[in-house]
All heavy atoms as atom14 arrays in JSON, in Angstrom:
{
  "sequence": "TKDVEKVIRAAARAHKMTGVPIMTHSHPASGTGLKQLDILQEEGVD",
  "atom14_mask": [
    [1, 1, 1, 1, 1, 1, 1, 0, 0, 0, 0, 0, 0, 0],
    [1, 1, 1, 1, 1, 1, 1, 1, 1, 0, 0, 0, 0, 0],
    [1, 1, 1, 1, 1, 1, 1, 1, 0, 0, 0, 0, 0, 0],
    [1, 1, 1, 1, 1, 1, 1, 0, 0, 0, 0, 0, 0, 0],
    [1, 1, 1, 1, 1, 1, 1, 1, 1, 0, 0, 0, 0, 0],
    [1, 1, 1, 1, 1, 1, 1, 1, 1, 0, 0, 0, 0, 0],
    [1, 1, 1, 1, 1, 1, 1, 0, 0, 0, 0, 0, 0, 0],
    [1, 1, 1, 1, 1, 1, 1, 1, 0, 0, 0, 0, 0, 0],
    [1, 1, 1, 1, 1, 1, 1, 1, 1, 1, 1, 0, 0, 0],
    [1, 1, 1, 1, 1, 0, 0, 0, 0, 0, 0, 0, 0, 0],
    [1, 1, 1, 1, 1, 0, 0, 0, 0, 0, 0, 0, 0, 0],
    [1, 1, 1, 1, 1, 0, 0, 0, 0, 0, 0, 0, 0, 0],
    [1, 1, 1, 1, 1, 1, 1, 1, 1, 1, 1, 0, 0, 0],
    [1, 1, 1, 1, 1, 0, 0, 0, 0, 0, 0, 0, 0, 0],
    [1, 1, 1, 1, 1, 1, 1, 1, 1, 1, 0, 0, 0, 0],
    [1, 1, 1, 1, 1, 1, 1, 1, 1, 0, 0, 0, 0, 0],
    [1, 1, 1, 1, 1, 1, 1, 1, 0, 0, 0, 0, 0, 0],
    [1, 1, 1, 1, 1, 1, 1, 0, 0, 0, 0, 0, 0, 0],
    [1, 1, 1, 1, 0, 0, 0, 0, 0, 0, 0, 0, 0, 0],
    [1, 1, 1, 1, 1, 1, 1, 0, 0, 0, 0, 0, 0, 0],
    [1, 1, 1, 1, 1, 1, 1, 0, 0, 0, 0, 0, 0, 0],
    [1, 1, 1, 1, 1, 1, 1, 1, 0, 0, 0, 0, 0, 0],
    [1, 1, 1, 1, 1, 1, 1, 1, 0, 0, 0, 0, 0, 0],
    [1, 1, 1, 1, 1, 1, 1, 0, 0, 0, 0, 0, 0, 0],
    [1, 1, 1, 1, 1, 1, 1, 1, 1, 1, 0, 0, 0, 0],
    [1, 1, 1, 1, 1, 1, 0, 0, 0, 0, 0, 0, 0, 0],
    [1, 1, 1, 1, 1, 1, 1, 1, 1, 1, 0, 0, 0, 0],
    [1, 1, 1, 1, 1, 1, 1, 0, 0, 0, 0, 0, 0, 0],
    [1, 1, 1, 1, 1, 0, 0, 0, 0, 0, 0, 0, 0, 0],
    [1, 1, 1, 1, 1, 1, 0, 0, 0, 0, 0, 0, 0, 0],
    [1, 1, 1, 1, 0, 0, 0, 0, 0, 0, 0, 0, 0, 0],
    [1, 1, 1, 1, 1, 1, 1, 0, 0, 0, 0, 0, 0, 0],
    [1, 1, 1, 1, 0, 0, 0, 0, 0, 0, 0, 0, 0, 0],
    [1, 1, 1, 1, 1, 1, 1, 1, 0, 0, 0, 0, 0, 0],
    [1, 1, 1, 1, 1, 1, 1, 1, 1, 0, 0, 0, 0, 0],
    [1, 1, 1, 1, 1, 1, 1, 1, 1, 0, 0, 0, 0, 0],
    [1, 1, 1, 1, 1, 1, 1, 1, 0, 0, 0, 0, 0, 0],
    [1, 1, 1, 1, 1, 1, 1, 1, 0, 0, 0, 0, 0, 0],
    [1, 1, 1, 1, 1, 1, 1, 1, 0, 0, 0, 0, 0, 0],
    [1, 1, 1, 1, 1, 1, 1, 1, 0, 0, 0, 0, 0, 0],
    [1, 1, 1, 1, 1, 1, 1, 1, 1, 0, 0, 0, 0, 0],
    [1, 1, 1, 1, 1, 1, 1, 1, 1, 0, 0, 0, 0, 0],
    [1, 1, 1, 1, 1, 1, 1, 1, 1, 0, 0, 0, 0, 0],
    [1, 1, 1, 1, 0, 0, 0, 0, 0, 0, 0, 0, 0, 0],
    [1, 1, 1, 1, 1, 1, 1, 0, 0, 0, 0, 0, 0, 0],
    [1, 1, 1, 1, 1, 1, 1, 1, 0, 0, 0, 0, 0, 0]
  ],
  "atom14_positions": [
    [[-8.7, 5.62, -5.45], [-8.55, 6.67, -6.39], [-7.1, 6.83, -6.88], [-6.17, 6.34, -6.33], [-9.03, 8.12, -5.77], [-8.18, 8.4, -4.84], [-10.39, 7.86, -5.13], [0.0, 0.0, 0.0], [0.0, 0.0, 0.0], [0.0, 0.0, 0.0], [0.0, 0.0, 0.0], [0.0, 0.0, 0.0], [0.0, 0.0, 0.0], [0.0, 0.0, 0.0]],
    [[-6.96, 7.67, -7.98], [-5.63, 7.94, -8.56], [-4.73, 8.56, -7.47], [-3.56, 8.07, -7.35], [-5.76, 8.83, -9.65], [-4.45, 9.17, -10.39], [-4.63, 10.17, -11.6], [-3.33, 10.59, -12.2], [-3.55, 11.46, -13.3], [0.0, 0.0, 0.0], [0.0, 0.0, 0.0], [0.0, 0.0, 0.0], [0.0, 0.0, 0.0], [0.0, 0.0, 0.0]],
    [[-5.23, 9.42, -6.68], [-4.43, 10.03, -5.68], [-4.01, 9.07, -4.54], [-2.93, 9.07, -4.07], [-5.14, 11.3, -5.02], [-5.12, 12.56, -5.88], [-4.6, 12.38, -7.1], [-5.63, 13.6, -5.54], [0.0, 0.0, 0.0], [0.0, 0.0, 0.0], [0.0, 0.0, 0.0], [0.0, 0.0, 0.0], [0.0, 0.0, 0.0], [0.0, 0.0, 0.0]],
    [[-5.07, 8.35, -4.12], [-4.77, 7.38, -3.07], [-3.75, 6.36, -3.49], [-2.79, 5.92, -2.72], [-6.03, 6.56, -2.55], [-5.86, 5.45, -1.81], [-6.94, 7.63, -1.75], [0.0, 0.0, 0.0], [0.0, 0.0, 0.0], [0.0, 0.0, 0.0], [0.0, 0.0, 0.0], [0.0, 0.0, 0.0], [0.0, 0.0, 0.0], [0.0, 0.0, 0.0]],
    [[-3.87, 5.86, -4.65], [-2.9, 4.88, -5.22], [-1.48, 5.42, -5.29], [-0.46, 4.73, -4.94], [-3.3, 4.46, -6.73], [-2.27, 3.44, -7.3], [-2.74, 2.94, -8.63], [-3.82, 3.32, -9.08], [-1.86, 2.24, -9.17], [0.0, 0.0, 0.0], [0.0, 0.0, 0.0], [0.0, 0.0, 0.0], [0.0, 0.0, 0.0], [0.0, 0.0, 0.0]],
    [[-1.38, 6.69, -5.48], [-0.1, 7.42, -5.49], [0.56, 7.35, -4.07], [1.77, 7.03, -3.95], [-0.2, 8.84, -5.94], [0.99, 9.55, -6.42], [0.65, 10.94, -7.14], [1.89, 11.46, -7.82], [1.47, 12.62, -8.54], [0.0, 0.0, 0.0], [0.0, 0.0, 0.0], [0.0, 0.0, 0.0], [0.0, 0.0, 0.0], [0.0, 0.0, 0.0]],
    [[-0.25, 7.53, -3.15], [0.29, 7.46, -1.69], [0.76, 6.09, -1.36], [1.74, 5.83, -0.66], [-0.75, 7.97, -0.69], [-0.23, 7.91, 0.68], [-1.12, 9.51, -0.94], [0.0, 0.0, 0.0], [0.0, 0.0, 0.0], [0.0, 0.0, 0.0], [0.0, 0.0, 0.0], [0.0, 0.0, 0.0], [0.0, 0.0, 0.0], [0.0, 0.0, 0.0]],
    [[-0.06, 5.11, -1.71], [0.23, 3.63, -1.43], [1.5, 3.27, -2.07], [2.47, 2.7, -1.4], [-0.87, 2.73, -1.85], [-2.22, 2.99, -1.0], [-0.56, 1.31, -1.63], [-3.51, 2.35, -1.6], [0.0, 0.0, 0.0], [0.0, 0.0, 0.0], [0.0, 0.0, 0.0], [0.0, 0.0, 0.0], [0.0, 0.0, 0.0], [0.0, 0.0, 0.0]],
    [[1.69, 3.7, -3.3], [2.94, 3.31, -4.03], [4.21, 4.0, -3.45], [5.26, 3.47, -3.31], [2.78, 3.65, -5.55], [1.82, 2.73, -6.24], [1.81, 2.86, -7.73], [0.8, 1.99, -8.28], [0.91, 0.66, -8.58], [2.04, 0.05, -8.26], [-0.05, 0.0, -9.06], [0.0, 0.0, 0.0], [0.0, 0.0, 0.0], [0.0, 0.0, 0.0]],
    [[3.87, 5.25, -3.08], [5.01, 5.99, -2.46], [5.44, 5.39, -1.09], [6.64, 5.28, -0.79], [4.65, 7.54, -2.25], [0.0, 0.0, 0.0], [0.0, 0.0, 0.0], [0.0, 0.0, 0.0], [0.0, 0.0, 0.0], [0.0, 0.0, 0.0], [0.0, 0.0, 0.0], [0.0, 0.0, 0.0], [0.0, 0.0, 0.0], [0.0, 0.0, 0.0]],
    [[4.45, 4.99, -0.31], [4.7, 4.27, 0.97], [5.53, 2.99, 0.7], [6.52, 2.73, 1.4], [3.41, 3.99, 1.69], [0.0, 0.0, 0.0], [0.0, 0.0, 0.0], [0.0, 0.0, 0.0], [0.0, 0.0, 0.0], [0.0, 0.0, 0.0], [0.0, 0.0, 0.0], [0.0, 0.0, 0.0], [0.0, 0.0, 0.0], [0.0, 0.0, 0.0]],
    [[5.13, 2.25, -0.33], [5.81, 1.04, -0.65], [7.28, 1.3, -1.11], [8.15, 0.55, -0.5], [5.13, 0.33, -1.85], [0.0, 0.0, 0.0], [0.0, 0.0, 0.0], [0.0, 0.0, 0.0], [0.0, 0.0, 0.0], [0.0, 0.0, 0.0], [0.0, 0.0, 0.0], [0.0, 0.0, 0.0], [0.0, 0.0, 0.0], [0.0, 0.0, 0.0]],
    [[7.49, 2.31, -1.8], [8.83, 2.57, -2.25], [9.71, 3.14, -1.12], [10.88, 2.76, -1.01], [8.77, 3.59, -3.4], [8.21, 2.98, -4.68], [8.06, 3.9, -5.82], [7.13, 3.35, -6.87], [6.96, 3.94, -8.07], [7.52, 5.07, -8.32], [6.05, 3.28, -8.88], [0.0, 0.0, 0.0], [0.0, 0.0, 0.0], [0.0, 0.0, 0.0]],
    [[9.08, 3.91, -0.19], [9.84, 4.41, 0.91], [10.17, 3.17, 1.88], [11.22, 3.15, 2.48], [8.95, 5.44, 1.68], [0.0, 0.0, 0.0], [0.0, 0.0, 0.0], [0.0, 0.0, 0.0], [0.0, 0.0, 0.0], [0.0, 0.0, 0.0], [0.0, 0.0, 0.0], [0.0, 0.0, 0.0], [0.0, 0.0, 0.0], [0.0, 0.0, 0.0]],
    [[9.27, 2.25, 2.0], [9.54, 1.07, 2.78], [10.75, 0.26, 2.22], [11.71, -0.18, 2.9], [8.36, 0.15, 2.79], [8.62, -1.32, 3.06], [8.91, -1.74, 4.34], [8.66, -2.4, 2.28], [9.11, -3.04, 4.26], [9.04, -3.47, 3.06], [0.0, 0.0, 0.0], [0.0, 0.0, 0.0], [0.0, 0.0, 0.0], [0.0, 0.0, 0.0]],
    [[10.77, 0.15, 0.94], [11.88, -0.66, 0.26], [13.12, 0.04, 0.41], [14.19, -0.59, 0.53], [11.52, -0.85, -1.2], [10.27, -1.75, -1.4], [10.13, -2.15, -2.88], [11.27, -3.1, -3.34], [11.1, -3.6, -4.67], [0.0, 0.0, 0.0], [0.0, 0.0, 0.0], [0.0, 0.0, 0.0], [0.0, 0.0, 0.0], [0.0, 0.0, 0.0]],
    [[13.16, 1.51, 0.59], [14.4, 2.19, 0.74], [14.83, 2.14, 2.22], [16.0, 2.43, 2.5], [14.26, 3.62, 0.28], [14.28, 3.66, -1.31], [14.25, 5.42, -1.91], [12.41, 5.71, -1.86], [0.0, 0.0, 0.0], [0.0, 0.0, 0.0], [0.0, 0.0, 0.0], [0.0, 0.0, 0.0], [0.0, 0.0, 0.0], [0.0, 0.0, 0.0]],
    [[13.98, 2.04, 3.14], [14.29, 2.18, 4.55], [14.11, 1.0, 5.36], [14.76, 0.89, 6.5], [13.4, 3.36, 5.15], [12.0, 2.88, 5.08], [13.61, 4.58, 4.41], [0.0, 0.0, 0.0], [0.0, 0.0, 0.0], [0.0, 0.0, 0.0], [0.0, 0.0, 0.0], [0.0, 0.0, 0.0], [0.0, 0.0, 0.0], [0.0, 0.0, 0.0]],
    [[13.19, 0.08, 4.98], [12.91, -1.09, 5.82], [11.99, -1.02, 6.9], [11.57, -1.97, 7.55], [0.0, 0.0, 0.0], [0.0, 0.0, 0.0], [0.0, 0.0, 0.0], [0.0, 0.0, 0.0], [0.0, 0.0, 0.0], [0.0, 0.0, 0.0], [0.0, 0.0, 0.0], [0.0, 0.0, 0.0], [0.0, 0.0, 0.0], [0.0, 0.0, 0.0]],
    [[11.37, 0.19, 7.1], [10.33, 0.37, 8.1], [9.03, -0.2, 7.68], [8.74, -0.1, 6.45], [10.22, 1.86, 8.65], [11.5, 2.44, 9.04], [9.6, 2.71, 7.54], [0.0, 0.0, 0.0], [0.0, 0.0, 0.0], [0.0, 0.0, 0.0], [0.0, 0.0, 0.0], [0.0, 0.0, 0.0], [0.0, 0.0, 0.0], [0.0, 0.0, 0.0]],
    [[8.22, -0.71, 8.57], [6.95, -1.34, 8.08], [5.84, -0.39, 7.72], [6.01, 0.83, 7.9], [6.48, -2.19, 9.34], [7.14, -1.38, 10.48], [8.4, -0.76, 10.0], [0.0, 0.0, 0.0], [0.0, 0.0, 0.0], [0.0, 0.0, 0.0], [0.0, 0.0, 0.0], [0.0, 0.0, 0.0], [0.0, 0.0, 0.0], [0.0, 0.0, 0.0]],
    [[4.79, -0.9, 7.16], [3.72, -0.07, 6.64], [2.41, -0.47, 7.39], [2.1, -1.66, 7.64], [3.49, -0.42, 5.14], [4.78, 0.04, 4.34], [2.25, 0.36, 4.66], [4.62, -0.48, 2.92], [0.0, 0.0, 0.0], [0.0, 0.0, 0.0], [0.0, 0.0, 0.0], [0.0, 0.0, 0.0], [0.0, 0.0, 0.0], [0.0, 0.0, 0.0]],
    [[1.7, 0.5, 7.77], [0.34, 0.43, 8.4], [-0.64, 1.09, 7.51], [-0.38, 2.15, 6.99], [0.29, 1.03, 9.8], [-1.08, 0.97, 10.54], [-1.17, 1.99, 11.96], [-0.06, 1.17, 13.01], [0.0, 0.0, 0.0], [0.0, 0.0, 0.0], [0.0, 0.0, 0.0], [0.0, 0.0, 0.0], [0.0, 0.0, 0.0], [0.0, 0.0, 0.0]],
    [[-1.78, 0.5, 7.28], [-2.82, 1.13, 6.44], [-4.05, 1.35, 7.27], [-4.28, 0.69, 8.37], [-3.24, 0.22, 5.31], [-4.09, -0.88, 5.72], [-1.98, -0.41, 4.56], [0.0, 0.0, 0.0], [0.0, 0.0, 0.0], [0.0, 0.0, 0.0], [0.0, 0.0, 0.0], [0.0, 0.0, 0.0], [0.0, 0.0, 0.0], [0.0, 0.0, 0.0]],
    [[-4.83, 2.21, 6.77], [-6.3, 2.39, 7.14], [-7.12, 1.79, 6.12], [-6.87, 2.14, 4.83], [-6.58, 3.89, 7.22], [-8.09, 4.25, 7.28], [-8.7, 4.64, 8.45], [-9.0, 4.21, 6.29], [-10.01, 4.84, 8.14], [-10.22, 4.59, 6.92], [0.0, 0.0, 0.0], [0.0, 0.0, 0.0], [0.0, 0.0, 0.0], [0.0, 0.0, 0.0]],
    [[-7.9, 0.83, 6.39], [-8.67, 0.14, 5.3], [-10.16, 0.21, 5.75], [-10.57, 0.47, 6.77], [-8.18, -1.37, 5.23], [-8.6, -2.12, 6.3], [0.0, 0.0, 0.0], [0.0, 0.0, 0.0], [0.0, 0.0, 0.0], [0.0, 0.0, 0.0], [0.0, 0.0, 0.0], [0.0, 0.0, 0.0], [0.0, 0.0, 0.0], [0.0, 0.0, 0.0]],
    [[-10.95, -0.17, 4.62], [-12.41, -0.15, 4.83], [-12.9, -1.51, 4.38], [-13.11, -1.84, 3.32], [-12.98, 1.01, 3.93], [-14.5, 1.18, 4.14], [-15.41, 0.7, 3.24], [-15.12, 1.82, 5.05], [-16.54, 1.09, 3.56], [-16.54, 1.7, 4.75], [0.0, 0.0, 0.0], [0.0, 0.0, 0.0], [0.0, 0.0, 0.0], [0.0, 0.0, 0.0]],
    [[-13.08, -2.45, 5.37], [-13.45, -3.8, 5.02], [-14.72, -3.98, 4.29], [-14.69, -4.8, 3.3], [-13.59, -4.54, 6.35], [-12.7, -3.71, 7.3], [-12.89, -2.27, 6.85], [0.0, 0.0, 0.0], [0.0, 0.0, 0.0], [0.0, 0.0, 0.0], [0.0, 0.0, 0.0], [0.0, 0.0, 0.0], [0.0, 0.0, 0.0], [0.0, 0.0, 0.0]],
    [[-15.7, -3.15, 4.44], [-17.01, -3.27, 3.7], [-16.75, -3.1, 2.24], [-17.57, -3.53, 1.42], [-18.01, -2.27, 4.25], [0.0, 0.0, 0.0], [0.0, 0.0, 0.0], [0.0, 0.0, 0.0], [0.0, 0.0, 0.0], [0.0, 0.0, 0.0], [0.0, 0.0, 0.0], [0.0, 0.0, 0.0], [0.0, 0.0, 0.0], [0.0, 0.0, 0.0]],
    [[-15.71, -2.36, 1.85], [-15.39, -2.11, 0.39], [-14.23, -2.97, 0.01], [-13.83, -2.92, -1.19], [-15.02, -0.66, 0.19], [-15.98, 0.23, 0.65], [0.0, 0.0, 0.0], [0.0, 0.0, 0.0], [0.0, 0.0, 0.0], [0.0, 0.0, 0.0], [0.0, 0.0, 0.0], [0.0, 0.0, 0.0], [0.0, 0.0, 0.0], [0.0, 0.0, 0.0]],
    [[-13.75, -3.83, 0.81], [-12.66, -4.79, 0.45], [-11.33, -4.13, 0.12], [-10.48, -4.58, -0.53], [0.0, 0.0, 0.0], [0.0, 0.0, 0.0], [0.0, 0.0, 0.0], [0.0, 0.0, 0.0], [0.0, 0.0, 0.0], [0.0, 0.0, 0.0], [0.0, 0.0, 0.0], [0.0, 0.0, 0.0], [0.0, 0.0, 0.0], [0.0, 0.0, 0.0]],
    [[-11.11, -2.92, 0.71], [-9.98, -2.23, 0.42], [-8.61, -2.69, 0.97], [-7.5, -2.52, 0.39], [-10.02, -0.67, 0.76], [-10.18, -0.57, 2.11], [-11.15, -0.04, 0.04], [0.0, 0.0, 0.0], [0.0, 0.0, 0.0], [0.0, 0.0, 0.0], [0.0, 0.0, 0.0], [0.0, 0.0, 0.0], [0.0, 0.0, 0.0], [0.0, 0.0, 0.0]],
    [[-8.75, -3.52, 1.97], [-7.48, -4.22, 2.4], [-6.79, -4.98, 1.39], [-5.54, -5.05, 1.2], [0.0, 0.0, 0.0], [0.0, 0.0, 0.0], [0.0, 0.0, 0.0], [0.0, 0.0, 0.0], [0.0, 0.0, 0.0], [0.0, 0.0, 0.0], [0.0, 0.0, 0.0], [0.0, 0.0, 0.0], [0.0, 0.0, 0.0], [0.0, 0.0, 0.0]],
    [[-7.69, -5.75, 0.6], [-7.18, -6.63, -0.38], [-6.54, -5.82, -1.59], [-5.53, -6.08, -2.17], [-8.21, -7.49, -0.92], [-8.79, -8.61, -0.06], [-9.95, -9.36, -0.51], [-7.71, -9.65, 0.22], [0.0, 0.0, 0.0], [0.0, 0.0, 0.0], [0.0, 0.0, 0.0], [0.0, 0.0, 0.0], [0.0, 0.0, 0.0], [0.0, 0.0, 0.0]],
    [[-7.24, -4.73, -1.83], [-6.75, -3.78, -2.88], [-5.42, -3.16, -2.53], [-4.55, -2.95, -3.44], [-7.81, -2.74, -3.27], [-9.14, -3.33, -3.8], [-10.26, -2.33, -3.9], [-11.59, -2.91, -4.3], [-12.7, -1.94, -4.24], [0.0, 0.0, 0.0], [0.0, 0.0, 0.0], [0.0, 0.0, 0.0], [0.0, 0.0, 0.0], [0.0, 0.0, 0.0]],
    [[-5.35, -2.74, -1.23], [-3.99, -2.25, -0.82], [-2.83, -3.26, -0.99], [-1.82, -2.9, -1.48], [-4.16, -1.86, 0.7], [-5.05, -0.6, 0.92], [-5.31, -0.4, 2.44], [-5.19, -1.32, 3.15], [-5.64, 0.91, 2.72], [0.0, 0.0, 0.0], [0.0, 0.0, 0.0], [0.0, 0.0, 0.0], [0.0, 0.0, 0.0], [0.0, 0.0, 0.0]],
    [[-3.22, -4.46, -0.66], [-2.18, -5.48, -0.86], [-1.78, -5.76, -2.3], [-0.72, -5.98, -2.61], [-2.58, -6.87, -0.14], [-2.72, -6.85, 1.34], [-3.57, -8.06, 1.83], [-1.26, -6.92, 1.9], [0.0, 0.0, 0.0], [0.0, 0.0, 0.0], [0.0, 0.0, 0.0], [0.0, 0.0, 0.0], [0.0, 0.0, 0.0], [0.0, 0.0, 0.0]],
    [[-2.8, -5.65, -3.15], [-2.53, -5.82, -4.62], [-1.43, -4.77, -4.93], [-0.44, -5.12, -5.65], [-3.76, -5.57, -5.42], [-4.8, -6.66, -5.34], [-4.38, -7.81, -4.93], [-5.95, -6.46, -5.64], [0.0, 0.0, 0.0], [0.0, 0.0, 0.0], [0.0, 0.0, 0.0], [0.0, 0.0, 0.0], [0.0, 0.0, 0.0], [0.0, 0.0, 0.0]],
    [[-1.55, -3.52, -4.54], [-0.67, -2.49, -4.99], [0.69, -2.67, -4.26], [1.71, -2.6, -4.85], [-1.23, -1.12, -4.7], [-2.48, -0.88, -5.48], [-0.18, -0.03, -4.99], [-3.28, 0.27, -5.08], [0.0, 0.0, 0.0], [0.0, 0.0, 0.0], [0.0, 0.0, 0.0], [0.0, 0.0, 0.0], [0.0, 0.0, 0.0], [0.0, 0.0, 0.0]],
    [[0.67, -2.95, -3.0], [1.88, -3.04, -2.28], [2.7, -4.22, -2.77], [3.88, -4.07, -2.93], [1.53, -3.23, -0.85], [1.03, -1.96, -0.04], [0.47, -2.37, 1.33], [1.98, -0.94, 0.03], [0.0, 0.0, 0.0], [0.0, 0.0, 0.0], [0.0, 0.0, 0.0], [0.0, 0.0, 0.0], [0.0, 0.0, 0.0], [0.0, 0.0, 0.0]],
    [[2.04, -5.3, -3.01], [2.8, -6.45, -3.56], [3.3, -6.24, -5.01], [4.41, -6.67, -5.44], [1.95, -7.72, -3.48], [1.75, -8.26, -2.04], [0.94, -9.57, -1.99], [-0.26, -9.59, -1.88], [1.71, -10.73, -2.01], [0.0, 0.0, 0.0], [0.0, 0.0, 0.0], [0.0, 0.0, 0.0], [0.0, 0.0, 0.0], [0.0, 0.0, 0.0]],
    [[2.54, -5.48, -5.76], [3.0, -5.13, -7.1], [4.24, -4.27, -6.98], [5.16, -4.41, -7.87], [1.88, -4.31, -7.81], [2.19, -4.05, -9.26], [1.05, -3.28, -9.91], [-0.14, -3.83, -9.87], [1.22, -2.24, -10.5], [0.0, 0.0, 0.0], [0.0, 0.0, 0.0], [0.0, 0.0, 0.0], [0.0, 0.0, 0.0], [0.0, 0.0, 0.0]],
    [[4.4, -3.54, -5.94], [5.59, -2.7, -5.7], [6.71, -3.47, -5.08], [7.79, -2.98, -4.8], [5.28, -1.48, -4.88], [4.45, -0.48, -5.56], [5.21, 0.43, -6.58], [6.44, 0.52, -6.41], [4.63, 1.03, -7.51], [0.0, 0.0, 0.0], [0.0, 0.0, 0.0], [0.0, 0.0, 0.0], [0.0, 0.0, 0.0], [0.0, 0.0, 0.0]],
    [[6.51, -4.85, -4.82], [7.48, -5.66, -4.22], [7.66, -5.64, -2.75], [8.64, -6.12, -2.22], [0.0, 0.0, 0.0], [0.0, 0.0, 0.0], [0.0, 0.0, 0.0], [0.0, 0.0, 0.0], [0.0, 0.0, 0.0], [0.0, 0.0, 0.0], [0.0, 0.0, 0.0], [0.0, 0.0, 0.0], [0.0, 0.0, 0.0], [0.0, 0.0, 0.0]],
    [[6.53, -5.28, -2.06], [6.54, -5.29, -0.56], [6.22, -6.69, -0.05], [5.16, -7.3, -0.54], [5.49, -4.32, 0.02], [5.52, -4.3, 1.51], [5.94, -2.89, -0.43], [0.0, 0.0, 0.0], [0.0, 0.0, 0.0], [0.0, 0.0, 0.0], [0.0, 0.0, 0.0], [0.0, 0.0, 0.0], [0.0, 0.0, 0.0], [0.0, 0.0, 0.0]],
    [[6.92, -7.23, 0.89], [6.55, -8.46, 1.54], [5.35, -8.26, 2.47], [5.54, -7.42, 3.39], [7.75, -8.94, 2.31], [7.55, -10.31, 2.96], [6.41, -10.75, 3.09], [8.56, -10.93, 3.31], [0.0, 0.0, 0.0], [0.0, 0.0, 0.0], [0.0, 0.0, 0.0], [0.0, 0.0, 0.0], [0.0, 0.0, 0.0], [0.0, 0.0, 0.0]]
  ]
}
């Protein structure tokens, strides 16, 4: 959702500023792990 995407992008940007890693809660049946990676990688997260 729009709100969830906002949190993922904020986590990505905080990671880039601090270097601490990111953990997600995903829902495999909906394929959301891949969608999370799309956004995180778009934000430049390794």
